[in-house]
PDB file of all heavy atoms in Angstrom:
ATOM      1  N   THR A   1     -20.601  -2.180  23.611  1.00  0.00           N
ATOM      2  CA  THR A   1     -19.853  -1.711  22.449  1.00  0.00           C
ATOM      3  C   THR A   1     -18.819  -2.751  22.036  1.00  0.00           C
ATOM      4  O   THR A   1     -18.638  -3.037  20.843  1.00  0.00           O
ATOM      5  CB  THR A   1     -19.153  -0.379  22.763  1.00  0.00           C
ATOM      6  OG1 THR A   1     -20.145   0.611  23.055  1.00  0.00           O
ATOM      7  CG2 THR A   1     -18.304   0.088  21.589  1.00  0.00           C
ATOM      8  N   TYR A   2     -18.140  -3.334  23.005  1.00  0.00           N
ATOM      9  CA  TYR A   2     -17.148  -4.374  22.713  1.00  0.00           C
ATOM     10  C   TYR A   2     -17.815  -5.629  22.180  1.00  0.00           C
ATOM     11  O   TYR A   2     -17.296  -6.299  21.276  1.00  0.00           O
ATOM     12  CB  TYR A   2     -16.339  -4.700  23.971  1.00  0.00           C
ATOM     13  CG  TYR A   2     -15.428  -3.581  24.379  1.00  0.00           C
ATOM     14  CD1 TYR A   2     -15.845  -2.603  25.278  1.00  0.00           C
ATOM     15  CD2 TYR A   2     -14.143  -3.485  23.864  1.00  0.00           C
ATOM     16  CE1 TYR A   2     -15.019  -1.563  25.647  1.00  0.00           C
ATOM     17  CE2 TYR A   2     -13.287  -2.437  24.226  1.00  0.00           C
ATOM     18  CZ  TYR A   2     -13.738  -1.487  25.118  1.00  0.00           C
ATOM     19  OH  TYR A   2     -12.915  -0.453  25.471  1.00  0.00           O
ATOM     20  N   GLU A   3     -18.983  -5.960  22.725  1.00  0.00           N
ATOM     21  CA  GLU A   3     -19.715  -7.124  22.231  1.00  0.00           C
ATOM     22  C   GLU A   3     -20.091  -6.931  20.759  1.00  0.00           C
ATOM     23  O   GLU A   3     -19.903  -7.836  19.933  1.00  0.00           O
ATOM     24  CB  GLU A   3     -20.981  -7.343  23.067  1.00  0.00           C
ATOM     25  CG  GLU A   3     -20.742  -7.682  24.524  1.00  0.00           C
ATOM     26  CD  GLU A   3     -20.454  -9.156  24.747  1.00  0.00           C
ATOM     27  OE1 GLU A   3     -20.425  -9.921  23.756  1.00  0.00           O
ATOM     28  OE2 GLU A   3     -20.242  -9.544  25.906  1.00  0.00           O
ATOM     29  N   VAL A   4     -20.629  -5.775  20.432  1.00  0.00           N
ATOM     30  CA  VAL A   4     -21.043  -5.503  19.053  1.00  0.00           C
ATOM     31  C   VAL A   4     -19.846  -5.548  18.111  1.00  0.00           C
ATOM     32  O   VAL A   4     -19.914  -6.125  17.016  1.00  0.00           O
ATOM     33  CB  VAL A   4     -21.760  -4.139  18.963  1.00  0.00           C
ATOM     34  CG1 VAL A   4     -21.980  -3.738  17.507  1.00  0.00           C
ATOM     35  CG2 VAL A   4     -23.097  -4.192  19.704  1.00  0.00           C
ATOM     36  N   TYR A   5     -18.736  -4.964  18.525  1.00  0.00           N
ATOM     37  CA  TYR A   5     -17.535  -4.984  17.692  1.00  0.00           C
ATOM     38  C   TYR A   5     -17.067  -6.426  17.474  1.00  0.00           C
ATOM     39  O   TYR A   5     -16.705  -6.817  16.348  1.00  0.00           O
ATOM     40  CB  TYR A   5     -16.431  -4.165  18.348  1.00  0.00           C
ATOM     41  CG  TYR A   5     -15.116  -4.211  17.604  1.00  0.00           C
ATOM     42  CD1 TYR A   5     -15.045  -3.923  16.243  1.00  0.00           C
ATOM     43  CD2 TYR A   5     -13.935  -4.536  18.267  1.00  0.00           C
ATOM     44  CE1 TYR A   5     -13.837  -3.964  15.556  1.00  0.00           C
ATOM     45  CE2 TYR A   5     -12.729  -4.581  17.583  1.00  0.00           C
ATOM     46  CZ  TYR A   5     -12.681  -4.300  16.235  1.00  0.00           C
ATOM     47  OH  TYR A   5     -11.489  -4.356  15.564  1.00  0.00           O
ATOM     48  N   PHE A   6     -17.092  -7.236  18.529  1.00  0.00           N
ATOM     49  CA  PHE A   6     -16.699  -8.641  18.390  1.00  0.00           C
ATOM     50  C   PHE A   6     -17.634  -9.379  17.443  1.00  0.00           C
ATOM     51  O   PHE A   6     -17.190 -10.162  16.591  1.00  0.00           O
ATOM     52  CB  PHE A   6     -16.688  -9.318  19.759  1.00  0.00           C
ATOM     53  CG  PHE A   6     -16.531 -10.810  19.689  1.00  0.00           C
ATOM     54  CD1 PHE A   6     -15.398 -11.381  19.132  1.00  0.00           C
ATOM     55  CD2 PHE A   6     -17.530 -11.652  20.173  1.00  0.00           C
ATOM     56  CE1 PHE A   6     -15.255 -12.762  19.056  1.00  0.00           C
ATOM     57  CE2 PHE A   6     -17.397 -13.027  20.104  1.00  0.00           C
ATOM     58  CZ  PHE A   6     -16.254 -13.584  19.539  1.00  0.00           C
ATOM     59  N   TYR A   7     -18.937  -9.132  17.548  1.00  0.00           N
ATOM     60  CA  TYR A   7     -19.888  -9.806  16.661  1.00  0.00           C
ATOM     61  C   TYR A   7     -19.634  -9.440  15.202  1.00  0.00           C
ATOM     62  O   TYR A   7     -19.695 -10.301  14.312  1.00  0.00           O
ATOM     63  CB  TYR A   7     -21.325  -9.441  17.034  1.00  0.00           C
ATOM     64  CG  TYR A   7     -21.745  -9.871  18.415  1.00  0.00           C
ATOM     65  CD1 TYR A   7     -22.740  -9.173  19.103  1.00  0.00           C
ATOM     66  CD2 TYR A   7     -21.152 -10.958  19.046  1.00  0.00           C
ATOM     67  CE1 TYR A   7     -23.133  -9.555  20.380  1.00  0.00           C
ATOM     68  CE2 TYR A   7     -21.538 -11.343  20.321  1.00  0.00           C
ATOM     69  CZ  TYR A   7     -22.529 -10.632  20.976  1.00  0.00           C
ATOM     70  OH  TYR A   7     -22.910 -11.008  22.233  1.00  0.00           O
ATOM     71  N   LEU A   8     -19.372  -8.169  14.946  1.00  0.00           N
ATOM     72  CA  LEU A   8     -19.101  -7.751  13.570  1.00  0.00           C
ATOM     73  C   LEU A   8     -17.856  -8.441  13.031  1.00  0.00           C
ATOM     74  O   LEU A   8     -17.824  -8.906  11.882  1.00  0.00           O
ATOM     75  CB  LEU A   8     -18.925  -6.222  13.515  1.00  0.00           C
ATOM     76  CG  LEU A   8     -20.182  -5.386  13.763  1.00  0.00           C
ATOM     77  CD1 LEU A   8     -19.815  -3.911  13.888  1.00  0.00           C
ATOM     78  CD2 LEU A   8     -21.207  -5.589  12.651  1.00  0.00           C
ATOM     79  N   ALA A   9     -16.826  -8.517  13.867  1.00  0.00           N
ATOM     80  CA  ALA A   9     -15.591  -9.173  13.440  1.00  0.00           C
ATOM     81  C   ALA A   9     -15.808 -10.675  13.246  1.00  0.00           C
ATOM     82  O   ALA A   9     -15.303 -11.264  12.277  1.00  0.00           O
ATOM     83  CB  ALA A   9     -14.484  -8.926  14.471  1.00  0.00           C
ATOM     84  N   PHE A  10     -16.580 -11.289  14.140  1.00  0.00           N
ATOM     85  CA  PHE A  10     -16.819 -12.729  14.050  1.00  0.00           C
ATOM     86  C   PHE A  10     -17.607 -13.061  12.785  1.00  0.00           C
ATOM     87  O   PHE A  10     -17.354 -14.089  12.132  1.00  0.00           O
ATOM     88  CB  PHE A  10     -17.569 -13.214  15.286  1.00  0.00           C
ATOM     89  CG  PHE A  10     -17.617 -14.711  15.424  1.00  0.00           C
ATOM     90  CD1 PHE A  10     -16.596 -15.390  16.069  1.00  0.00           C
ATOM     91  CD2 PHE A  10     -18.682 -15.452  14.920  1.00  0.00           C
ATOM     92  CE1 PHE A  10     -16.625 -16.775  16.198  1.00  0.00           C
ATOM     93  CE2 PHE A  10     -18.721 -16.824  15.038  1.00  0.00           C
ATOM     94  CZ  PHE A  10     -17.687 -17.489  15.689  1.00  0.00           C
ATOM     95  N   ALA A  11     -18.543 -12.210  12.431  1.00  0.00           N
ATOM     96  CA  ALA A  11     -19.339 -12.454  11.221  1.00  0.00           C
ATOM     97  C   ALA A  11     -18.452 -12.514   9.981  1.00  0.00           C
ATOM     98  O   ALA A  11     -18.744 -13.254   9.033  1.00  0.00           O
ATOM     99  CB  ALA A  11     -20.392 -11.357  11.060  1.00  0.00           C
ATOM    100  N   LEU A  12     -17.357 -11.773   9.978  1.00  0.00           N
ATOM    101  CA  LEU A  12     -16.476 -11.728   8.813  1.00  0.00           C
ATOM    102  C   LEU A  12     -15.691 -13.022   8.614  1.00  0.00           C
ATOM    103  O   LEU A  12     -15.178 -13.270   7.508  1.00  0.00           O
ATOM    104  CB  LEU A  12     -15.500 -10.551   8.942  1.00  0.00           C
ATOM    105  CG  LEU A  12     -16.128  -9.152   8.902  1.00  0.00           C
ATOM    106  CD1 LEU A  12     -15.065  -8.095   9.126  1.00  0.00           C
ATOM    107  CD2 LEU A  12     -16.851  -8.921   7.578  1.00  0.00           C
ATOM    108  N   ILE A  13     -15.582 -13.850   9.653  1.00  0.00           N
ATOM    109  CA  ILE A  13     -14.788 -15.078   9.500  1.00  0.00           C
ATOM    110  C   ILE A  13     -15.661 -16.288   9.165  1.00  0.00           C
ATOM    111  O   ILE A  13     -15.147 -17.359   8.853  1.00  0.00           O
ATOM    112  CB  ILE A  13     -13.951 -15.385  10.759  1.00  0.00           C
ATOM    113  CG1 ILE A  13     -14.853 -15.789  11.932  1.00  0.00           C
ATOM    114  CG2 ILE A  13     -13.068 -14.206  11.115  1.00  0.00           C
ATOM    115  CD1 ILE A  13     -14.086 -16.310  13.142  1.00  0.00           C
ATOM    116  N   LEU A  14     -16.977 -16.147   9.194  1.00  0.00           N
ATOM    117  CA  LEU A  14     -17.852 -17.288   8.945  1.00  0.00           C
ATOM    118  C   LEU A  14     -17.763 -17.841   7.519  1.00  0.00           C
ATOM    119  O   LEU A  14     -18.010 -19.034   7.315  1.00  0.00           O
ATOM    120  CB  LEU A  14     -19.302 -16.919   9.290  1.00  0.00           C
ATOM    121  CG  LEU A  14     -19.592 -16.801  10.784  1.00  0.00           C
ATOM    122  CD1 LEU A  14     -21.022 -16.301  11.016  1.00  0.00           C
ATOM    123  CD2 LEU A  14     -19.376 -18.125  11.505  1.00  0.00           C
ATOM    124  N   PRO A  15     -17.411 -17.052   6.518  1.00  0.00           N
ATOM    125  CA  PRO A  15     -17.257 -17.647   5.175  1.00  0.00           C
ATOM    126  C   PRO A  15     -16.069 -18.601   5.054  1.00  0.00           C
ATOM    127  O   PRO A  15     -15.949 -19.315   4.071  1.00  0.00           O
ATOM    128  CB  PRO A  15     -17.058 -16.419   4.270  1.00  0.00           C
ATOM    129  CG  PRO A  15     -17.686 -15.285   5.015  1.00  0.00           C
ATOM    130  CD  PRO A  15     -17.399 -15.581   6.451  1.00  0.00           C
ATOM    131  N   PHE A  16     -15.183 -18.614   6.044  1.00  0.00           N
ATOM    132  CA  PHE A  16     -13.983 -19.439   5.977  1.00  0.00           C
ATOM    133  C   PHE A  16     -14.159 -20.733   6.783  1.00  0.00           C
ATOM    134  O   PHE A  16     -15.120 -20.892   7.540  1.00  0.00           O
ATOM    135  CB  PHE A  16     -12.777 -18.660   6.511  1.00  0.00           C
ATOM    136  CG  PHE A  16     -12.532 -17.366   5.798  1.00  0.00           C
ATOM    137  CD1 PHE A  16     -13.022 -16.168   6.310  1.00  0.00           C
ATOM    138  CD2 PHE A  16     -11.826 -17.337   4.600  1.00  0.00           C
ATOM    139  CE1 PHE A  16     -12.803 -14.969   5.657  1.00  0.00           C
ATOM    140  CE2 PHE A  16     -11.598 -16.145   3.933  1.00  0.00           C
ATOM    141  CZ  PHE A  16     -12.088 -14.965   4.452  1.00  0.00           C
ATOM    142  N   ALA A  17     -13.217 -21.647   6.640  1.00  0.00           N
ATOM    143  CA  ALA A  17     -13.188 -22.835   7.485  1.00  0.00           C
ATOM    144  C   ALA A  17     -12.982 -22.384   8.931  1.00  0.00           C
ATOM    145  O   ALA A  17     -12.311 -21.371   9.184  1.00  0.00           O
ATOM    146  CB  ALA A  17     -12.066 -23.765   7.051  1.00  0.00           C
ATOM    147  N   MET A  18     -13.542 -23.132   9.888  1.00  0.00           N
ATOM    148  CA  MET A  18     -13.519 -22.691  11.275  1.00  0.00           C
ATOM    149  C   MET A  18     -12.098 -22.410  11.776  1.00  0.00           C
ATOM    150  O   MET A  18     -11.838 -21.326  12.331  1.00  0.00           O
ATOM    151  CB  MET A  18     -14.180 -23.723  12.189  1.00  0.00           C
ATOM    152  CG  MET A  18     -14.055 -23.358  13.665  1.00  0.00           C
ATOM    153  SD  MET A  18     -14.659 -24.617  14.792  1.00  0.00           S
ATOM    154  CE  MET A  18     -16.385 -24.177  14.875  1.00  0.00           C
ATOM    155  N   MET A  19     -11.186 -23.353  11.620  1.00  0.00           N
ATOM    156  CA  MET A  19      -9.840 -23.160  12.148  1.00  0.00           C
ATOM    157  C   MET A  19      -9.176 -21.945  11.535  1.00  0.00           C
ATOM    158  O   MET A  19      -8.561 -21.121  12.232  1.00  0.00           O
ATOM    159  CB  MET A  19      -9.005 -24.419  11.920  1.00  0.00           C
ATOM    160  CG  MET A  19      -7.571 -24.320  12.449  1.00  0.00           C
ATOM    161  SD  MET A  19      -7.487 -23.922  14.225  1.00  0.00           S
ATOM    162  CE  MET A  19      -8.088 -25.456  14.919  1.00  0.00           C
ATOM    163  N   ARG A  20      -9.298 -21.804  10.227  1.00  0.00           N
ATOM    164  CA  ARG A  20      -8.691 -20.643   9.565  1.00  0.00           C
ATOM    165  C   ARG A  20      -9.319 -19.347  10.080  1.00  0.00           C
ATOM    166  O   ARG A  20      -8.617 -18.359  10.328  1.00  0.00           O
ATOM    167  CB  ARG A  20      -8.872 -20.755   8.062  1.00  0.00           C
ATOM    168  CG  ARG A  20      -8.258 -19.604   7.276  1.00  0.00           C
ATOM    169  CD  ARG A  20      -8.387 -19.828   5.777  1.00  0.00           C
ATOM    170  NE  ARG A  20      -7.614 -20.989   5.353  1.00  0.00           N
ATOM    171  CZ  ARG A  20      -7.530 -21.388   4.092  1.00  0.00           C
ATOM    172  NH1 ARG A  20      -8.185 -20.726   3.132  1.00  0.00           N
ATOM    173  NH2 ARG A  20      -6.810 -22.449   3.781  1.00  0.00           N
ATOM    174  N   GLY A  21     -10.623 -19.348  10.257  1.00  0.00           N
ATOM    175  CA  GLY A  21     -11.298 -18.141  10.740  1.00  0.00           C
ATOM    176  C   GLY A  21     -10.902 -17.780  12.153  1.00  0.00           C
ATOM    177  O   GLY A  21     -10.631 -16.608  12.455  1.00  0.00           O
ATOM    178  N   LEU A  22     -10.856 -18.775  13.034  1.00  0.00           N
ATOM    179  CA  LEU A  22     -10.509 -18.498  14.429  1.00  0.00           C
ATOM    180  C   LEU A  22      -9.066 -18.024  14.565  1.00  0.00           C
ATOM    181  O   LEU A  22      -8.778 -17.100  15.333  1.00  0.00           O
ATOM    182  CB  LEU A  22     -10.730 -19.750  15.282  1.00  0.00           C
ATOM    183  CG  LEU A  22     -12.175 -20.227  15.432  1.00  0.00           C
ATOM    184  CD1 LEU A  22     -12.242 -21.442  16.357  1.00  0.00           C
ATOM    185  CD2 LEU A  22     -13.076 -19.117  15.953  1.00  0.00           C
ATOM    186  N   VAL A  23      -8.163 -18.659  13.822  1.00  0.00           N
ATOM    187  CA  VAL A  23      -6.768 -18.225  13.853  1.00  0.00           C
ATOM    188  C   VAL A  23      -6.641 -16.812  13.306  1.00  0.00           C
ATOM    189  O   VAL A  23      -5.954 -15.957  13.887  1.00  0.00           O
ATOM    190  CB  VAL A  23      -5.876 -19.204  13.055  1.00  0.00           C
ATOM    191  CG1 VAL A  23      -4.468 -18.625  12.888  1.00  0.00           C
ATOM    192  CG2 VAL A  23      -5.811 -20.551  13.757  1.00  0.00           C
ATOM    193  N   GLY A  24      -7.333 -16.530  12.209  1.00  0.00           N
ATOM    194  CA  GLY A  24      -7.258 -15.203  11.609  1.00  0.00           C
ATOM    195  C   GLY A  24      -7.785 -14.121  12.527  1.00  0.00           C
ATOM    196  O   GLY A  24      -7.143 -13.073  12.694  1.00  0.00           O
ATOM    197  N   LEU A  25      -8.941 -14.364  13.135  1.00  0.00           N
ATOM    198  CA  LEU A  25      -9.515 -13.358  14.029  1.00  0.00           C
ATOM    199  C   LEU A  25      -8.661 -13.195  15.281  1.00  0.00           C
ATOM    200  O   LEU A  25      -8.483 -12.071  15.769  1.00  0.00           O
ATOM    201  CB  LEU A  25     -10.947 -13.745  14.403  1.00  0.00           C
ATOM    202  CG  LEU A  25     -11.712 -12.739  15.264  1.00  0.00           C
ATOM    203  CD1 LEU A  25     -11.724 -11.354  14.616  1.00  0.00           C
ATOM    204  CD2 LEU A  25     -13.145 -13.214  15.513  1.00  0.00           C
ATOM    205  N   SER A  26      -8.133 -14.292  15.793  1.00  0.00           N
ATOM    206  CA  SER A  26      -7.263 -14.209  16.968  1.00  0.00           C
ATOM    207  C   SER A  26      -6.031 -13.366  16.675  1.00  0.00           C
ATOM    208  O   SER A  26      -5.656 -12.492  17.466  1.00  0.00           O
ATOM    209  CB  SER A  26      -6.834 -15.616  17.413  1.00  0.00           C
ATOM    210  OG  SER A  26      -7.950 -16.399  17.782  1.00  0.00           O
ATOM    211  N   CYS A  27      -5.409 -13.617  15.526  1.00  0.00           N
ATOM    212  CA  CYS A  27      -4.230 -12.839  15.147  1.00  0.00           C
ATOM    213  C   CYS A  27      -4.567 -11.369  14.960  1.00  0.00           C
ATOM    214  O   CYS A  27      -3.801 -10.483  15.366  1.00  0.00           O
ATOM    215  CB  CYS A  27      -3.617 -13.411  13.865  1.00  0.00           C
ATOM    216  SG  CYS A  27      -2.860 -15.044  14.064  1.00  0.00           S
ATOM    217  N   PHE A  28      -5.709 -11.110  14.366  1.00  0.00           N
ATOM    218  CA  PHE A  28      -6.129  -9.721  14.150  1.00  0.00           C
ATOM    219  C   PHE A  28      -6.286  -8.988  15.480  1.00  0.00           C
ATOM    220  O   PHE A  28      -5.802  -7.856  15.640  1.00  0.00           O
ATOM    221  CB  PHE A  28      -7.445  -9.687  13.377  1.00  0.00           C
ATOM    222  CG  PHE A  28      -8.028  -8.312  13.224  1.00  0.00           C
ATOM    223  CD1 PHE A  28      -7.454  -7.390  12.365  1.00  0.00           C
ATOM    224  CD2 PHE A  28      -9.148  -7.938  13.952  1.00  0.00           C
ATOM    225  CE1 PHE A  28      -7.984  -6.101  12.237  1.00  0.00           C
ATOM    226  CE2 PHE A  28      -9.685  -6.667  13.831  1.00  0.00           C
ATOM    227  CZ  PHE A  28      -9.103  -5.739  12.969  1.00  0.00           C
ATOM    228  N   PHE A  29      -6.930  -9.622  16.447  1.00  0.00           N
ATOM    229  CA  PHE A  29      -7.117  -8.979  17.747  1.00  0.00           C
ATOM    230  C   PHE A  29      -5.791  -8.822  18.490  1.00  0.00           C
ATOM    231  O   PHE A  29      -5.551  -7.793  19.139  1.00  0.00           O
ATOM    232  CB  PHE A  29      -8.101  -9.779  18.601  1.00  0.00           C
ATOM    233  CG  PHE A  29      -9.557  -9.516  18.271  1.00  0.00           C
ATOM    234  CD1 PHE A  29     -10.538 -10.421  18.660  1.00  0.00           C
ATOM    235  CD2 PHE A  29      -9.946  -8.387  17.593  1.00  0.00           C
ATOM    236  CE1 PHE A  29     -11.875 -10.188  18.379  1.00  0.00           C
ATOM    237  CE2 PHE A  29     -11.284  -8.140  17.291  1.00  0.00           C
ATOM    238  CZ  PHE A  29     -12.257  -9.050  17.688  1.00  0.00           C
ATOM    239  N   VAL A  30      -4.927  -9.820  18.411  1.00  0.00           N
ATOM    240  CA  VAL A  30      -3.627  -9.722  19.081  1.00  0.00           C
ATOM    241  C   VAL A  30      -2.810  -8.578  18.489  1.00  0.00           C
ATOM    242  O   VAL A  30      -2.204  -7.785  19.225  1.00  0.00           O
ATOM    243  CB  VAL A  30      -2.855 -11.056  18.968  1.00  0.00           C
ATOM    244  CG1 VAL A  30      -1.394 -10.871  19.416  1.00  0.00           C
ATOM    245  CG2 VAL A  30      -3.524 -12.133  19.826  1.00  0.00           C
ATOM    246  N   VAL A  31      -2.805  -8.475  17.170  1.00  0.00           N
ATOM    247  CA  VAL A  31      -2.086  -7.374  16.517  1.00  0.00           C
ATOM    248  C   VAL A  31      -2.706  -6.034  16.891  1.00  0.00           C
ATOM    249  O   VAL A  31      -1.988  -5.045  17.136  1.00  0.00           O
ATOM    250  CB  VAL A  31      -2.080  -7.568  14.982  1.00  0.00           C
ATOM    251  CG1 VAL A  31      -1.531  -6.328  14.279  1.00  0.00           C
ATOM    252  CG2 VAL A  31      -1.249  -8.790  14.612  1.00  0.00           C
ATOM    253  N   SER A  32      -4.027  -5.982  16.951  1.00  0.00           N
ATOM    254  CA  SER A  32      -4.705  -4.741  17.336  1.00  0.00           C
ATOM    255  C   SER A  32      -4.282  -4.297  18.732  1.00  0.00           C
ATOM    256  O   SER A  32      -3.980  -3.116  18.958  1.00  0.00           O
ATOM    257  CB  SER A  32      -6.225  -4.935  17.296  1.00  0.00           C
ATOM    258  OG  SER A  32      -6.682  -5.206  15.993  1.00  0.00           O
ATOM    259  N   VAL A  33      -4.258  -5.239  19.660  1.00  0.00           N
ATOM    260  CA  VAL A  33      -3.859  -4.917  21.031  1.00  0.00           C
ATOM    261  C   VAL A  33      -2.407  -4.447  21.067  1.00  0.00           C
ATOM    262  O   VAL A  33      -2.064  -3.480  21.756  1.00  0.00           O
ATOM    263  CB  VAL A  33      -4.060  -6.139  21.945  1.00  0.00           C
ATOM    264  CG1 VAL A  33      -3.425  -5.899  23.317  1.00  0.00           C
ATOM    265  CG2 VAL A  33      -5.556  -6.439  22.094  1.00  0.00           C
ATOM    266  N   ALA A  34      -1.544  -5.117  20.310  1.00  0.00           N
ATOM    267  CA  ALA A  34      -0.138  -4.714  20.261  1.00  0.00           C
ATOM    268  C   ALA A  34       0.014  -3.295  19.723  1.00  0.00           C
ATOM    269  O   ALA A  34       0.798  -2.489  20.249  1.00  0.00           O
ATOM    270  CB  ALA A  34       0.659  -5.697  19.395  1.00  0.00           C
ATOM    271  N   LEU A  35      -0.753  -2.962  18.695  1.00  0.00           N
ATOM    272  CA  LEU A  35      -0.716  -1.602  18.148  1.00  0.00           C
ATOM    273  C   LEU A  35      -1.167  -0.588  19.183  1.00  0.00           C
ATOM    274  O   LEU A  35      -0.661   0.538  19.236  1.00  0.00           O
ATOM    275  CB  LEU A  35      -1.600  -1.512  16.902  1.00  0.00           C
ATOM    276  CG  LEU A  35      -1.057  -2.160  15.631  1.00  0.00           C
ATOM    277  CD1 LEU A  35      -2.106  -2.111  14.520  1.00  0.00           C
ATOM    278  CD2 LEU A  35       0.224  -1.461  15.179  1.00  0.00           C
ATOM    279  N   GLY A  36      -2.126  -1.003  20.024  1.00  0.00           N
ATOM    280  CA  GLY A  36      -2.596  -0.105  21.068  1.00  0.00           C
ATOM    281  C   GLY A  36      -1.516   0.254  22.064  1.00  0.00           C
ATOM    282  O   GLY A  36      -1.531   1.352  22.646  1.00  0.00           O
ATOM    283  N   PHE A  37      -0.562  -0.650  22.259  1.00  0.00           N
ATOM    284  CA  PHE A  37       0.564  -0.358  23.157  1.00  0.00           C
ATOM    285  C   PHE A  37       1.619   0.500  22.461  1.00  0.00           C
ATOM    286  O   PHE A  37       2.304   1.294  23.103  1.00  0.00           O
ATOM    287  CB  PHE A  37       1.216  -1.660  23.637  1.00  0.00           C
ATOM    288  CG  PHE A  37       0.454  -2.360  24.721  1.00  0.00           C
ATOM    289  CD1 PHE A  37      -0.272  -3.501  24.450  1.00  0.00           C
ATOM    290  CD2 PHE A  37       0.460  -1.859  26.017  1.00  0.00           C
ATOM    291  CE1 PHE A  37      -0.978  -4.153  25.450  1.00  0.00           C
ATOM    292  CE2 PHE A  37      -0.242  -2.496  27.029  1.00  0.00           C
ATOM    293  CZ  PHE A  37      -0.961  -3.650  26.750  1.00  0.00           C
ATOM    294  N   LEU A  38       1.743   0.327  21.146  1.00  0.00           N
ATOM    295  CA  LEU A  38       2.805   1.019  20.411  1.00  0.00           C
ATOM    296  C   LEU A  38       2.428   2.435  19.986  1.00  0.00           C
ATOM    297  O   LEU A  38       3.280   3.309  19.898  1.00  0.00           O
ATOM    298  CB  LEU A  38       3.171   0.198  19.165  1.00  0.00           C
ATOM    299  CG  LEU A  38       3.778  -1.185  19.429  1.00  0.00           C
ATOM    300  CD1 LEU A  38       3.955  -1.935  18.113  1.00  0.00           C
ATOM    301  CD2 LEU A  38       5.116  -1.057  20.148  1.00  0.00           C
ATOM    302  N   ILE A  39       1.121   2.619  19.719  1.00  0.00           N
ATOM    303  CA  ILE A  39       0.665   3.914  19.202  1.00  0.00           C
ATOM    304  C   ILE A  39      -0.339   4.514  20.189  1.00  0.00           C
ATOM    305  O   ILE A  39      -1.276   3.843  20.604  1.00  0.00           O
ATOM    306  CB  ILE A  39       0.005   3.757  17.815  1.00  0.00           C
ATOM    307  CG1 ILE A  39       0.973   3.057  16.857  1.00  0.00           C
ATOM    308  CG2 ILE A  39      -0.419   5.110  17.248  1.00  0.00           C
ATOM    309  CD1 ILE A  39       0.350   2.691  15.522  1.00  0.00           C
ATOM    310  N   PRO A  40      -0.162   5.780  20.579  1.00  0.00           N
ATOM    311  CA  PRO A  40      -1.039   6.402  21.579  1.00  0.00           C
ATOM    312  C   PRO A  40      -2.409   6.806  21.023  1.00  0.00           C
ATOM    313  O   PRO A  40      -2.663   7.967  20.715  1.00  0.00           O
ATOM    314  CB  PRO A  40      -0.243   7.634  22.030  1.00  0.00           C
ATOM    315  CG  PRO A  40       0.577   8.009  20.831  1.00  0.00           C
ATOM    316  CD  PRO A  40       0.929   6.699  20.170  1.00  0.00           C
ATOM    317  N   PHE A  41      -3.305   5.821  20.826  1.00  0.00           N
ATOM    318  CA  PHE A  41      -4.662   6.132  20.394  1.00  0.00           C
ATOM    319  C   PHE A  41      -5.455   6.682  21.578  1.00  0.00           C
ATOM    320  O   PHE A  41      -5.436   6.104  22.652  1.00  0.00           O
ATOM    321  CB  PHE A  41      -5.355   4.876  19.868  1.00  0.00           C
ATOM    322  CG  PHE A  41      -4.685   4.283  18.656  1.00  0.00           C
ATOM    323  CD1 PHE A  41      -3.996   3.087  18.745  1.00  0.00           C
ATOM    324  CD2 PHE A  41      -4.748   4.922  17.434  1.00  0.00           C
ATOM    325  CE1 PHE A  41      -3.384   2.531  17.632  1.00  0.00           C
ATOM    326  CE2 PHE A  41      -4.133   4.378  16.315  1.00  0.00           C
ATOM    327  CZ  PHE A  41      -3.449   3.183  16.413  1.00  0.00           C
ATOM    328  N   GLU A  42      -6.180   7.768  21.360  1.00  0.00           N
ATOM    329  CA  GLU A  42      -6.842   8.401  22.492  1.00  0.00           C
ATOM    330  C   GLU A  42      -8.338   8.623  22.308  1.00  0.00           C
ATOM    331  O   GLU A  42      -9.019   8.968  23.268  1.00  0.00           O
ATOM    332  CB  GLU A  42      -6.164   9.747  22.805  1.00  0.00           C
ATOM    333  CG  GLU A  42      -4.716   9.588  23.264  1.00  0.00           C
ATOM    334  CD  GLU A  42      -4.077  10.908  23.644  1.00  0.00           C
ATOM    335  OE1 GLU A  42      -4.742  11.953  23.462  1.00  0.00           O
ATOM    336  OE2 GLU A  42      -2.930  10.904  24.111  1.00  0.00           O
ATOM    337  N   ASN A  43      -8.890   8.465  21.112  1.00  0.00           N
ATOM    338  CA  ASN A  43     -10.331   8.679  20.984  1.00  0.00           C
ATOM    339  C   ASN A  43     -11.089   7.398  21.311  1.00  0.00           C
ATOM    340  O   ASN A  43     -10.503   6.305  21.406  1.00  0.00           O
ATOM    341  CB  ASN A  43     -10.692   9.210  19.590  1.00  0.00           C
ATOM    342  CG  ASN A  43     -10.421   8.200  18.485  1.00  0.00           C
ATOM    343  OD1 ASN A  43     -11.001   7.117  18.479  1.00  0.00           O
ATOM    344  ND2 ASN A  43      -9.528   8.543  17.559  1.00  0.00           N
ATOM    345  N   ALA A  44     -12.391   7.521  21.477  1.00  0.00           N
ATOM    346  CA  ALA A  44     -13.202   6.410  21.971  1.00  0.00           C
ATOM    347  C   ALA A  44     -13.199   5.217  21.021  1.00  0.00           C
ATOM    348  O   ALA A  44     -13.160   4.066  21.456  1.00  0.00           O
ATOM    349  CB  ALA A  44     -14.634   6.882  22.212  1.00  0.00           C
ATOM    350  N   THR A  45     -13.239   5.484  19.735  1.00  0.00           N
ATOM    351  CA  THR A  45     -13.292   4.388  18.758  1.00  0.00           C
ATOM    352  C   THR A  45     -12.009   3.575  18.771  1.00  0.00           C
ATOM    353  O   THR A  45     -12.034   2.341  18.850  1.00  0.00           O
ATOM    354  CB  THR A  45     -13.549   4.933  17.346  1.00  0.00           C
ATOM    355  OG1 THR A  45     -14.804   5.631  17.334  1.00  0.00           O
ATOM    356  CG2 THR A  45     -13.594   3.804  16.335  1.00  0.00           C
ATOM    357  N   THR A  46     -10.887   4.242  18.692  1.00  0.00           N
ATOM    358  CA  THR A  46      -9.620   3.510  18.697  1.00  0.00           C
ATOM    359  C   THR A  46      -9.357   2.856  20.047  1.00  0.00           C
ATOM    360  O   THR A  46      -8.729   1.802  20.115  1.00  0.00           O
ATOM    361  CB  THR A  46      -8.452   4.444  18.328  1.00  0.00           C
ATOM    362  OG1 THR A  46      -8.463   5.591  19.194  1.00  0.00           O
ATOM    363  CG2 THR A  46      -8.573   4.905  16.890  1.00  0.00           C
TER     364      THR A  46
END
């Protein structure tokens, strides 16, 4: 499930330049993880 989610996210950055895409996706995941600590998400998707 995590692999598939990563692939979907990675596909979204391919239209951009590599550095911009990698930085953007990295920031998105870091922010997502931070939100997970701040907000009590409890269902499987979140």
